[in-house]
Every structure is written in C-alpha cells, then in structure tokens.
Amino acid sequence: MSIEGKRFYPGERATADQLLSLAAEYRRSAETLLPAGRNGVPLSWAPYRLVAIHAIELYLNAYLIAAGHPHAAVRGLRHDTASRAELAMLAKVDLRRRTVAHLRFLSANREYLVTRYDPAPSSTSISQLTRLRATLNEVAEKIDKLARKEKATPRQGRA
C-alpha cells in the first residue's frame, strides 16, 4: 500500500504485545475450526491448517519484534517458519527438536501456500493435524511464558 508515494505495510508499527494478542485470536479461531473438519474429507481441514499456521507465524513474529528485529526484516522472512524459529531460538525460545523439525517441514513444503491454494494436496506435503496442533500449542505457550516473564523483569538501565 502507498499514500503520497510512501509505501507502508499493515502492522508495520504493531508492538510485540499487539502481535501476541493477534496471534492468540488466531489460535482461538484455529481451535474453533478444528471440530469443523470431517473425516474422509481432507479439504475440510484446510481452514484449520491455514489459521493454525498463521497463528504460529504471528507468535514467532511477536517474539522476534520483542527481541529487537526490525519489522521489515521479519516481514522479509515471508512464510519461512524455519528461519523464524532459528532466530527465535537464538533469542531464548527453547523449542523441542520435533517442533523445530516440523517448522522446517512447514517451510520446506510451503505448507502455508499449499493449504491456501491446493484443493487436493498430497498427504506428504501437509502436516498431520496432531503435529500441527502440537506445534501451535508449544510455540504459543513458550512465547507467551517468555513474554510474561520479560514483562515482569525490569530491563537494565530502567528504574
């Protein structure tokens, strides 16, 4: 988007707290969509997948912004959950190996795009629902916990 020749991006000035709140709303929405999926109808799970993956990205984005990464750099990662996870782990997020492997799988298989646009994805290009849910829950809980801990701990140099 641009106004008077200046290009801007929605959310460019969002705080980490605002992004955490947005991520939590997407997580709640994903949980609401989960029961709408129907066994034997793989396409019926697509809305859950899309919203869950988006929530994961938002949680990681919130943490990266809180850790001091510029909005433009985070936005430049596109839908690369593997890179987001690597940066977040460098900044204190302790994710399990299976979760990190799944975040890499999401990126390598471009699951965000597959979920959005492919009406018949192969079973090898998308995550198991239980794995996706576990990844979302772990990322959300660990980042929420770190965010609360960092709010409770005054930063050095402040009164």
N, C-alpha and C. Protein backbone atom coordinates (compact mmCIF):
# COMPACT_ATOMS: atom_id res chain seq x y z
N MET A 1 0.84 -1.17 0.00
CA MET A 1 0.00 0.00 0.00
C MET A 1 0.89 1.24 0.00
N SER A 2 0.36 2.30 -0.55
CA SER A 2 1.13 3.53 -0.50
C SER A 2 0.19 4.73 -0.39
N ILE A 3 0.67 5.73 0.27
CA ILE A 3 -0.02 7.00 0.40
C ILE A 3 0.99 8.07 0.06
N GLU A 4 0.63 8.93 -0.89
CA GLU A 4 1.52 10.01 -1.32
C GLU A 4 2.91 9.48 -1.66
N GLY A 5 2.96 8.34 -2.34
CA GLY A 5 4.24 7.79 -2.78
C GLY A 5 5.03 7.05 -1.72
N LYS A 6 4.56 7.09 -0.48
CA LYS A 6 5.26 6.36 0.58
C LYS A 6 4.62 5.00 0.75
N ARG A 7 5.45 3.99 0.69
CA ARG A 7 4.97 2.61 0.83
C ARG A 7 4.94 2.23 2.31
N PHE A 8 3.84 1.62 2.74
CA PHE A 8 3.76 1.14 4.10
C PHE A 8 3.07 -0.21 4.10
N TYR A 9 3.25 -0.91 5.18
CA TYR A 9 2.70 -2.25 5.32
C TYR A 9 1.80 -2.31 6.53
N PRO A 10 0.66 -2.96 6.41
CA PRO A 10 -0.21 -3.12 7.58
C PRO A 10 0.56 -3.80 8.71
N GLY A 11 0.42 -3.29 9.90
CA GLY A 11 1.10 -3.87 11.05
C GLY A 11 2.53 -3.40 11.24
N GLU A 12 2.99 -2.50 10.40
CA GLU A 12 4.38 -2.02 10.47
C GLU A 12 4.73 -1.44 11.83
N ARG A 13 3.76 -0.85 12.48
CA ARG A 13 4.03 -0.23 13.78
C ARG A 13 3.47 -1.04 14.94
N ALA A 14 3.05 -2.25 14.67
CA ALA A 14 2.48 -3.08 15.74
C ALA A 14 3.55 -3.43 16.77
N THR A 15 3.15 -3.39 18.01
CA THR A 15 4.06 -3.77 19.08
C THR A 15 4.06 -5.30 19.22
N ALA A 16 5.03 -5.79 19.93
CA ALA A 16 5.08 -7.24 20.20
C ALA A 16 3.83 -7.67 20.96
N ASP A 17 3.38 -6.87 21.92
CA ASP A 17 2.17 -7.20 22.68
C ASP A 17 0.95 -7.27 21.77
N GLN A 18 0.84 -6.34 20.84
CA GLN A 18 -0.29 -6.36 19.90
C GLN A 18 -0.24 -7.60 19.02
N LEU A 19 0.96 -7.96 18.57
CA LEU A 19 1.09 -9.16 17.74
C LEU A 19 0.78 -10.42 18.54
N LEU A 20 1.17 -10.45 19.82
CA LEU A 20 0.81 -11.58 20.67
C LEU A 20 -0.70 -11.70 20.82
N SER A 21 -1.36 -10.59 20.98
CA SER A 21 -2.82 -10.61 21.10
C SER A 21 -3.46 -11.11 19.81
N LEU A 22 -2.95 -10.66 18.68
CA LEU A 22 -3.46 -11.11 17.39
C LEU A 22 -3.22 -12.61 17.21
N ALA A 23 -2.03 -13.06 17.58
CA ALA A 23 -1.71 -14.49 17.48
C ALA A 23 -2.66 -15.31 18.35
N ALA A 24 -2.95 -14.83 19.54
CA ALA A 24 -3.86 -15.55 20.44
C ALA A 24 -5.26 -15.65 19.83
N GLU A 25 -5.70 -14.60 19.15
CA GLU A 25 -7.01 -14.65 18.50
C GLU A 25 -7.02 -15.67 17.37
N TYR A 26 -5.94 -15.72 16.60
CA TYR A 26 -5.86 -16.72 15.53
C TYR A 26 -5.80 -18.14 16.12
N ARG A 27 -5.11 -18.28 17.23
CA ARG A 27 -5.06 -19.60 17.89
C ARG A 27 -6.45 -20.02 18.34
N ARG A 28 -7.19 -19.10 18.95
CA ARG A 28 -8.56 -19.41 19.37
C ARG A 28 -9.43 -19.77 18.17
N SER A 29 -9.25 -19.04 17.09
CA SER A 29 -10.02 -19.33 15.88
C SER A 29 -9.67 -20.70 15.31
N ALA A 30 -8.40 -21.04 15.34
CA ALA A 30 -7.99 -22.36 14.85
C ALA A 30 -8.67 -23.45 15.68
N GLU A 31 -8.68 -23.28 16.99
CA GLU A 31 -9.32 -24.28 17.85
C GLU A 31 -10.82 -24.37 17.59
N THR A 32 -11.42 -23.26 17.21
CA THR A 32 -12.84 -23.26 16.87
C THR A 32 -13.09 -23.99 15.55
N LEU A 33 -12.15 -23.86 14.62
CA LEU A 33 -12.30 -24.51 13.31
C LEU A 33 -12.00 -26.01 13.34
N LEU A 34 -11.19 -26.44 14.27
CA LEU A 34 -10.77 -27.85 14.29
C LEU A 34 -11.95 -28.83 14.26
N PRO A 35 -12.97 -28.64 15.07
CA PRO A 35 -14.09 -29.60 15.04
C PRO A 35 -14.91 -29.57 13.74
N ALA A 36 -14.72 -28.54 12.93
CA ALA A 36 -15.48 -28.45 11.68
C ALA A 36 -14.92 -29.39 10.60
N GLY A 37 -13.69 -29.86 10.78
CA GLY A 37 -13.12 -30.81 9.83
C GLY A 37 -13.85 -32.14 9.90
N ARG A 38 -13.93 -32.80 8.74
CA ARG A 38 -14.65 -34.06 8.67
C ARG A 38 -13.74 -35.17 8.19
N ASN A 39 -13.78 -36.30 8.90
CA ASN A 39 -13.00 -37.47 8.49
C ASN A 39 -13.42 -37.88 7.07
N GLY A 40 -12.42 -38.21 6.27
CA GLY A 40 -12.69 -38.62 4.89
C GLY A 40 -12.84 -37.46 3.92
N VAL A 41 -12.76 -36.22 4.44
CA VAL A 41 -12.88 -35.03 3.60
C VAL A 41 -11.68 -34.14 3.91
N PRO A 42 -10.51 -34.46 3.34
CA PRO A 42 -9.29 -33.72 3.69
C PRO A 42 -9.40 -32.21 3.49
N LEU A 43 -10.13 -31.80 2.49
CA LEU A 43 -10.28 -30.36 2.22
C LEU A 43 -10.95 -29.63 3.38
N SER A 44 -11.76 -30.32 4.16
CA SER A 44 -12.48 -29.67 5.26
C SER A 44 -11.54 -29.23 6.39
N TRP A 45 -10.32 -29.72 6.39
CA TRP A 45 -9.35 -29.33 7.41
C TRP A 45 -8.52 -28.11 6.99
N ALA A 46 -8.63 -27.69 5.73
CA ALA A 46 -7.81 -26.59 5.22
C ALA A 46 -7.97 -25.29 6.02
N PRO A 47 -9.18 -24.88 6.37
CA PRO A 47 -9.28 -23.64 7.16
C PRO A 47 -8.53 -23.72 8.49
N TYR A 48 -8.64 -24.85 9.18
CA TYR A 48 -7.89 -25.01 10.42
C TYR A 48 -6.39 -24.89 10.16
N ARG A 49 -5.90 -25.59 9.15
CA ARG A 49 -4.47 -25.58 8.84
C ARG A 49 -3.98 -24.15 8.59
N LEU A 50 -4.71 -23.42 7.76
CA LEU A 50 -4.29 -22.07 7.40
C LEU A 50 -4.24 -21.15 8.62
N VAL A 51 -5.26 -21.20 9.44
CA VAL A 51 -5.32 -20.33 10.61
C VAL A 51 -4.28 -20.75 11.64
N ALA A 52 -4.06 -22.04 11.81
CA ALA A 52 -3.05 -22.52 12.76
C ALA A 52 -1.65 -22.08 12.33
N ILE A 53 -1.34 -22.24 11.05
CA ILE A 53 -0.02 -21.83 10.55
C ILE A 53 0.16 -20.33 10.70
N HIS A 54 -0.88 -19.58 10.42
CA HIS A 54 -0.79 -18.13 10.57
C HIS A 54 -0.56 -17.74 12.03
N ALA A 55 -1.23 -18.41 12.94
CA ALA A 55 -1.02 -18.14 14.37
C ALA A 55 0.42 -18.43 14.77
N ILE A 56 0.98 -19.53 14.28
CA ILE A 56 2.38 -19.86 14.57
C ILE A 56 3.29 -18.74 14.10
N GLU A 57 3.08 -18.28 12.87
CA GLU A 57 3.89 -17.18 12.34
C GLU A 57 3.77 -15.93 13.20
N LEU A 58 2.55 -15.61 13.61
CA LEU A 58 2.35 -14.41 14.42
C LEU A 58 3.03 -14.52 15.78
N TYR A 59 2.97 -15.67 16.41
CA TYR A 59 3.68 -15.84 17.69
C TYR A 59 5.18 -15.64 17.49
N LEU A 60 5.73 -16.26 16.47
CA LEU A 60 7.16 -16.10 16.21
C LEU A 60 7.50 -14.66 15.86
N ASN A 61 6.66 -14.01 15.05
CA ASN A 61 6.88 -12.60 14.71
C ASN A 61 6.89 -11.73 15.96
N ALA A 62 5.93 -11.96 16.84
CA ALA A 62 5.84 -11.16 18.07
C ALA A 62 7.12 -11.28 18.87
N TYR A 63 7.62 -12.51 18.98
CA TYR A 63 8.84 -12.69 19.76
C TYR A 63 10.03 -12.03 19.08
N LEU A 64 10.12 -12.15 17.77
CA LEU A 64 11.24 -11.53 17.06
C LEU A 64 11.21 -10.01 17.17
N ILE A 65 10.03 -9.43 17.09
CA ILE A 65 9.89 -7.97 17.25
C ILE A 65 10.31 -7.59 18.68
N ALA A 66 9.85 -8.35 19.66
CA ALA A 66 10.23 -8.08 21.05
C ALA A 66 11.73 -8.21 21.26
N ALA A 67 12.36 -9.10 20.51
CA ALA A 67 13.81 -9.31 20.63
C ALA A 67 14.62 -8.26 19.87
N GLY A 68 13.92 -7.34 19.19
CA GLY A 68 14.62 -6.23 18.55
C GLY A 68 14.81 -6.34 17.05
N HIS A 69 14.26 -7.37 16.43
CA HIS A 69 14.37 -7.48 14.97
C HIS A 69 13.45 -6.44 14.33
N PRO A 70 13.93 -5.76 13.31
CA PRO A 70 13.09 -4.76 12.64
C PRO A 70 11.90 -5.42 11.93
N HIS A 71 10.79 -4.70 11.90
CA HIS A 71 9.60 -5.21 11.22
C HIS A 71 9.90 -5.63 9.79
N ALA A 72 10.67 -4.82 9.08
CA ALA A 72 10.97 -5.12 7.67
C ALA A 72 11.74 -6.44 7.54
N ALA A 73 12.64 -6.70 8.46
CA ALA A 73 13.41 -7.95 8.40
C ALA A 73 12.50 -9.16 8.68
N VAL A 74 11.60 -9.02 9.63
CA VAL A 74 10.67 -10.10 9.95
C VAL A 74 9.73 -10.33 8.77
N ARG A 75 9.22 -9.25 8.21
CA ARG A 75 8.33 -9.36 7.05
C ARG A 75 9.06 -10.02 5.87
N GLY A 76 10.34 -9.74 5.74
CA GLY A 76 11.15 -10.30 4.66
C GLY A 76 11.31 -11.81 4.74
N LEU A 77 10.98 -12.39 5.87
CA LEU A 77 11.07 -13.84 6.01
C LEU A 77 9.92 -14.56 5.30
N ARG A 78 8.95 -13.78 4.87
CA ARG A 78 7.75 -14.31 4.21
C ARG A 78 7.12 -15.39 5.09
N HIS A 79 6.89 -16.57 4.57
CA HIS A 79 6.25 -17.63 5.36
C HIS A 79 7.26 -18.69 5.79
N ASP A 80 8.49 -18.27 6.00
CA ASP A 80 9.57 -19.18 6.37
C ASP A 80 9.59 -19.39 7.88
N THR A 81 8.83 -20.37 8.34
CA THR A 81 8.77 -20.65 9.77
C THR A 81 10.09 -21.21 10.30
N ALA A 82 10.85 -21.86 9.44
CA ALA A 82 12.14 -22.40 9.88
C ALA A 82 13.10 -21.28 10.26
N SER A 83 13.20 -20.26 9.43
CA SER A 83 14.08 -19.13 9.75
C SER A 83 13.60 -18.37 10.98
N ARG A 84 12.29 -18.20 11.08
CA ARG A 84 11.73 -17.55 12.26
C ARG A 84 12.11 -18.32 13.53
N ALA A 85 11.97 -19.64 13.46
CA ALA A 85 12.27 -20.47 14.62
C ALA A 85 13.75 -20.38 14.98
N GLU A 86 14.62 -20.41 13.99
CA GLU A 86 16.06 -20.32 14.26
C GLU A 86 16.39 -19.00 14.96
N LEU A 87 15.83 -17.91 14.46
CA LEU A 87 16.08 -16.60 15.08
C LEU A 87 15.50 -16.54 16.50
N ALA A 88 14.32 -17.10 16.67
CA ALA A 88 13.69 -17.09 18.00
C ALA A 88 14.50 -17.92 18.98
N MET A 89 15.04 -19.04 18.52
CA MET A 89 15.84 -19.88 19.42
C MET A 89 17.14 -19.19 19.80
N LEU A 90 17.69 -18.41 18.89
CA LEU A 90 18.89 -17.64 19.22
C LEU A 90 18.58 -16.59 20.28
N ALA A 91 17.31 -16.20 20.36
CA ALA A 91 16.89 -15.17 21.32
C ALA A 91 16.13 -15.77 22.50
N LYS A 92 16.44 -17.01 22.89
CA LYS A 92 15.95 -17.64 24.13
C LYS A 92 14.75 -18.57 24.02
N VAL A 93 14.10 -18.72 22.89
CA VAL A 93 12.96 -19.62 22.82
C VAL A 93 13.49 -21.05 22.70
N ASP A 94 13.14 -21.87 23.68
CA ASP A 94 13.64 -23.25 23.73
C ASP A 94 12.57 -24.19 23.19
N LEU A 95 12.65 -24.49 21.90
CA LEU A 95 11.67 -25.38 21.26
C LEU A 95 12.22 -26.81 21.21
N ARG A 96 11.32 -27.76 21.32
CA ARG A 96 11.71 -29.17 21.22
C ARG A 96 12.18 -29.49 19.79
N ARG A 97 13.02 -30.51 19.68
CA ARG A 97 13.55 -30.90 18.37
C ARG A 97 12.44 -31.26 17.39
N ARG A 98 11.42 -31.96 17.86
CA ARG A 98 10.31 -32.33 16.96
C ARG A 98 9.57 -31.10 16.45
N THR A 99 9.45 -30.11 17.30
CA THR A 99 8.77 -28.87 16.88
C THR A 99 9.61 -28.14 15.85
N VAL A 100 10.90 -28.05 16.10
CA VAL A 100 11.78 -27.39 15.14
C VAL A 100 11.75 -28.13 13.80
N ALA A 101 11.79 -29.45 13.87
CA ALA A 101 11.72 -30.25 12.63
C ALA A 101 10.41 -29.99 11.90
N HIS A 102 9.33 -29.85 12.65
CA HIS A 102 8.04 -29.57 12.00
C HIS A 102 8.02 -28.18 11.38
N LEU A 103 8.59 -27.19 12.07
CA LEU A 103 8.64 -25.84 11.50
C LEU A 103 9.46 -25.84 10.21
N ARG A 104 10.51 -26.64 10.17
CA ARG A 104 11.29 -26.79 8.94
C ARG A 104 10.46 -27.46 7.85
N PHE A 105 9.70 -28.48 8.23
CA PHE A 105 8.81 -29.17 7.29
C PHE A 105 7.80 -28.19 6.69
N LEU A 106 7.20 -27.36 7.55
CA LEU A 106 6.24 -26.37 7.06
C LEU A 106 6.86 -25.48 5.98
N SER A 107 8.08 -25.03 6.23
CA SER A 107 8.77 -24.16 5.28
C SER A 107 9.16 -24.91 4.01
N ALA A 108 9.79 -26.06 4.19
CA ALA A 108 10.29 -26.83 3.05
C ALA A 108 9.17 -27.24 2.10
N ASN A 109 8.00 -27.53 2.64
CA ASN A 109 6.87 -27.97 1.82
C ASN A 109 5.93 -26.83 1.44
N ARG A 110 6.29 -25.62 1.88
CA ARG A 110 5.48 -24.44 1.58
C ARG A 110 4.02 -24.67 1.96
N GLU A 111 3.85 -25.26 3.15
CA GLU A 111 2.53 -25.69 3.57
C GLU A 111 1.53 -24.53 3.65
N TYR A 112 2.01 -23.35 4.00
CA TYR A 112 1.11 -22.19 4.06
C TYR A 112 0.46 -21.96 2.69
N LEU A 113 1.26 -22.01 1.63
CA LEU A 113 0.73 -21.80 0.28
C LEU A 113 -0.08 -22.99 -0.21
N VAL A 114 0.41 -24.19 0.08
CA VAL A 114 -0.33 -25.40 -0.32
C VAL A 114 -1.72 -25.38 0.30
N THR A 115 -1.78 -25.04 1.58
CA THR A 115 -3.06 -25.01 2.28
C THR A 115 -3.99 -23.96 1.70
N ARG A 116 -3.44 -22.85 1.31
CA ARG A 116 -4.26 -21.76 0.76
C ARG A 116 -4.81 -22.06 -0.62
N TYR A 117 -4.02 -22.73 -1.45
CA TYR A 117 -4.37 -22.79 -2.86
C TYR A 117 -4.59 -24.17 -3.46
N ASP A 118 -4.13 -25.22 -2.82
CA ASP A 118 -4.22 -26.55 -3.44
C ASP A 118 -5.43 -27.30 -2.90
N PRO A 119 -6.45 -27.53 -3.76
CA PRO A 119 -7.64 -28.22 -3.28
C PRO A 119 -7.42 -29.72 -3.05
N ALA A 120 -6.31 -30.25 -3.53
CA ALA A 120 -6.04 -31.68 -3.35
C ALA A 120 -4.56 -31.92 -3.01
N PRO A 121 -4.11 -31.41 -1.85
CA PRO A 121 -2.70 -31.60 -1.51
C PRO A 121 -2.39 -33.06 -1.24
N SER A 122 -1.16 -33.46 -1.53
CA SER A 122 -0.77 -34.84 -1.24
C SER A 122 -0.54 -34.98 0.26
N SER A 123 -0.69 -36.16 0.76
CA SER A 123 -0.52 -36.39 2.19
C SER A 123 0.94 -36.19 2.62
N THR A 124 1.87 -36.18 1.68
CA THR A 124 3.27 -35.97 2.03
C THR A 124 3.64 -34.48 2.05
N SER A 125 2.76 -33.62 1.55
CA SER A 125 3.09 -32.19 1.52
C SER A 125 2.43 -31.40 2.64
N ILE A 126 1.61 -32.06 3.45
CA ILE A 126 0.96 -31.36 4.55
C ILE A 126 1.17 -32.12 5.86
N SER A 127 1.09 -31.40 6.94
CA SER A 127 1.33 -31.95 8.28
C SER A 127 0.17 -32.81 8.75
N GLN A 128 0.50 -33.73 9.64
CA GLN A 128 -0.55 -34.42 10.38
C GLN A 128 -1.22 -33.39 11.29
N LEU A 129 -2.52 -33.48 11.44
CA LEU A 129 -3.23 -32.50 12.26
C LEU A 129 -2.74 -32.48 13.70
N THR A 130 -2.44 -33.62 14.26
CA THR A 130 -1.96 -33.66 15.64
C THR A 130 -0.60 -32.97 15.77
N ARG A 131 0.24 -33.13 14.77
CA ARG A 131 1.56 -32.48 14.80
C ARG A 131 1.40 -30.97 14.67
N LEU A 132 0.53 -30.53 13.78
CA LEU A 132 0.30 -29.09 13.60
C LEU A 132 -0.25 -28.48 14.89
N ARG A 133 -1.18 -29.16 15.52
CA ARG A 133 -1.76 -28.66 16.76
C ARG A 133 -0.70 -28.62 17.86
N ALA A 134 0.13 -29.65 17.94
CA ALA A 134 1.19 -29.68 18.96
C ALA A 134 2.18 -28.55 18.75
N THR A 135 2.54 -28.29 17.50
CA THR A 135 3.47 -27.19 17.20
C THR A 135 2.86 -25.86 17.59
N LEU A 136 1.63 -25.63 17.20
CA LEU A 136 0.95 -24.38 17.57
C LEU A 136 0.92 -24.21 19.08
N ASN A 137 0.53 -25.24 19.79
CA ASN A 137 0.43 -25.13 21.24
C ASN A 137 1.79 -24.88 21.89
N GLU A 138 2.82 -25.58 21.44
CA GLU A 138 4.13 -25.37 22.04
C GLU A 138 4.66 -23.96 21.77
N VAL A 139 4.59 -23.53 20.52
CA VAL A 139 5.07 -22.19 20.18
C VAL A 139 4.31 -21.14 20.98
N ALA A 140 3.00 -21.26 21.03
CA ALA A 140 2.17 -20.28 21.75
C ALA A 140 2.52 -20.26 23.23
N GLU A 141 2.55 -21.41 23.85
CA GLU A 141 2.78 -21.46 25.30
C GLU A 141 4.17 -20.98 25.68
N LYS A 142 5.18 -21.36 24.92
CA LYS A 142 6.54 -20.94 25.27
C LYS A 142 6.74 -19.44 25.04
N ILE A 143 6.20 -18.92 23.96
CA ILE A 143 6.37 -17.49 23.70
C ILE A 143 5.54 -16.67 24.68
N ASP A 144 4.33 -17.11 24.98
CA ASP A 144 3.52 -16.41 26.00
C ASP A 144 4.25 -16.39 27.33
N LYS A 145 4.80 -17.51 27.74
CA LYS A 145 5.51 -17.60 29.02
C LYS A 145 6.71 -16.66 29.04
N LEU A 146 7.49 -16.64 27.95
CA LEU A 146 8.64 -15.74 27.89
C LEU A 146 8.20 -14.28 27.91
N ALA A 147 7.13 -13.97 27.23
CA ALA A 147 6.65 -12.59 27.19
C ALA A 147 6.21 -12.14 28.58
N ARG A 148 5.51 -13.00 29.30
CA ARG A 148 5.09 -12.64 30.67
C ARG A 148 6.30 -12.48 31.59
N LYS A 149 7.27 -13.37 31.43
CA LYS A 149 8.48 -13.31 32.26
C LYS A 149 9.26 -12.02 31.98
N GLU A 150 9.37 -11.66 30.72
CA GLU A 150 10.13 -10.45 30.37
C GLU A 150 9.40 -9.18 30.81
N LYS A 151 8.08 -9.21 30.84
CA LYS A 151 7.34 -8.05 31.34
C LYS A 151 7.55 -7.89 32.85
N ALA A 152 7.65 -9.01 33.54
CA ALA A 152 7.80 -8.98 35.00
C ALA A 152 9.21 -8.62 35.42
N THR A 153 10.18 -8.79 34.53
CA THR A 153 11.58 -8.49 34.85
C THR A 153 11.96 -7.14 34.26
N PRO A 154 12.21 -6.15 35.10
CA PRO A 154 12.61 -4.84 34.56
C PRO A 154 13.92 -4.96 33.80
N ARG A 155 14.00 -4.24 32.71
CA ARG A 155 15.26 -4.24 31.93
C ARG A 155 16.30 -3.40 32.61
N GLN A 156 17.55 -3.76 32.38
CA GLN A 156 18.65 -2.98 32.96
C GLN A 156 18.63 -1.57 32.41
N GLY A 157 18.98 -0.64 33.26
CA GLY A 157 19.02 0.75 32.81
C GLY A 157 17.72 1.49 33.07
N ARG A 158 16.69 0.75 33.53
CA ARG A 158 15.42 1.39 33.85
C ARG A 158 15.23 1.40 35.35
N ALA A 159 14.55 2.39 35.81
CA ALA A 159 14.27 2.49 37.26
C ALA A 159 13.14 1.60 37.66
